[in-house]
Amino acid sequence: MSEELRLRIVSGIVMAAVVLVATARALKMNGGVAKKDLSEPNVDAVRAGSVNLKRHIENVKKFGITPKLHGQLRKRFQKGFEAG
């Protein structure tokens, strides 16, 4: 959870929306790829890194905000989010 989100929670500011941005590079890094290898394609690392993204989405859901997925995220993850 970001420091900005923590600050908003502690200060009592009501959030109407949250924007999460996930790049393939960030997903690969969270999937265990070394920084020097991030420019190489690595589908398994993107899948492994998506666990981190899903955790952020679950945290957003705790505040009553329903995630709206766009682009490839919708195609790849919508079924999993609907299930639970």
Protein backbone atom coordinates (compact mmCIF):
# COMPACT_ATOMS: atom_id res chain seq x y z
CA MET A 1 0.00 0.00 0.00
CA SER A 2 1.39 3.39 -0.95
CA GLU A 3 2.15 6.11 1.58
CA GLU A 4 -0.36 8.36 -0.19
CA LEU A 5 -3.11 5.79 0.32
CA ARG A 6 -2.16 5.38 3.99
CA LEU A 7 -2.25 9.16 4.43
CA ARG A 8 -5.71 9.35 2.92
CA ILE A 9 -6.95 6.56 5.18
CA VAL A 10 -5.50 8.12 8.33
CA SER A 11 -6.72 11.63 7.43
CA GLY A 12 -10.27 10.43 6.76
CA ILE A 13 -10.39 11.62 3.15
CA VAL A 14 -13.07 9.69 1.26
CA MET A 15 -11.85 8.17 -1.99
CA ALA A 16 -14.19 7.95 -4.95
CA ALA A 17 -11.66 6.27 -7.21
CA VAL A 18 -8.22 4.72 -7.20
CA VAL A 19 -6.00 4.41 -10.25
CA LEU A 20 -3.52 1.54 -10.32
CA VAL A 21 -0.96 1.52 -13.11
CA ALA A 22 0.92 -1.66 -13.85
CA THR A 23 3.54 -1.94 -16.56
CA ALA A 24 4.91 -5.21 -17.91
CA ARG A 25 8.31 -4.07 -16.60
CA ALA A 26 6.94 -3.63 -13.06
CA LEU A 27 5.14 -6.97 -13.19
CA LYS A 28 8.34 -8.70 -14.33
CA MET A 29 10.30 -7.04 -11.53
CA ASN A 30 7.70 -8.20 -8.99
CA GLY A 31 7.94 -11.62 -10.64
CA GLY A 32 11.60 -11.89 -9.70
CA VAL A 33 13.42 -10.71 -12.83
CA ALA A 34 16.73 -8.93 -12.27
CA LYS A 35 16.80 -5.28 -13.33
CA LYS A 36 19.33 -5.97 -16.11
CA ASP A 37 16.96 -8.55 -17.66
CA LEU A 38 13.72 -6.54 -17.63
CA SER A 39 13.88 -5.71 -21.34
CA GLU A 40 13.66 -9.41 -22.26
CA PRO A 41 10.22 -11.04 -22.77
CA ASN A 42 9.24 -13.22 -19.80
CA VAL A 43 5.59 -14.28 -19.64
CA ASP A 44 6.10 -16.43 -16.53
CA ALA A 45 7.54 -13.46 -14.61
CA VAL A 46 4.59 -11.27 -15.65
CA ARG A 47 2.22 -13.96 -14.37
CA ALA A 48 4.17 -14.26 -11.11
CA GLY A 49 4.24 -10.48 -10.69
CA SER A 50 0.49 -10.23 -11.24
CA VAL A 51 0.03 -11.68 -7.74
CA ASN A 52 1.27 -8.32 -6.43
CA LEU A 53 -1.18 -6.44 -8.66
CA LYS A 54 -4.05 -8.64 -7.53
CA ARG A 55 -3.14 -7.89 -3.91
CA HIS A 56 -3.37 -4.14 -4.61
CA ILE A 57 -6.76 -4.64 -6.26
CA GLU A 58 -7.98 -6.64 -3.26
CA ASN A 59 -6.86 -3.78 -0.97
CA VAL A 60 -8.86 -1.31 -3.08
CA LYS A 61 -11.93 -3.56 -2.84
CA LYS A 62 -11.73 -3.34 0.97
CA PHE A 63 -12.65 0.35 0.64
CA GLY A 64 -15.75 -0.44 -1.39
CA ILE A 65 -14.28 0.56 -4.74
CA THR A 66 -15.00 -1.88 -7.56
CA PRO A 67 -12.08 -2.36 -9.94
CA LYS A 68 -12.63 -1.50 -13.59
CA LEU A 69 -10.13 -3.33 -15.73
CA HIS A 70 -8.99 -2.06 -19.13
CA GLY A 71 -7.07 -3.42 -22.09
CA GLN A 72 -5.13 -6.63 -21.62
CA LEU A 73 -5.92 -6.72 -17.89
CA ARG A 74 -9.60 -7.13 -18.67
CA LYS A 75 -8.89 -9.94 -21.10
CA ARG A 76 -6.44 -11.76 -18.83
CA PHE A 77 -7.83 -11.26 -15.33
CA GLN A 78 -11.55 -10.43 -15.42
CA LYS A 79 -12.65 -14.04 -14.93
CA GLY A 80 -10.41 -14.44 -11.88
CA PHE A 81 -11.63 -11.21 -10.26
CA GLU A 82 -15.27 -12.11 -10.81
CA ALA A 83 -14.69 -15.44 -9.10
CA GLY A 84 -13.31 -13.87 -6.15
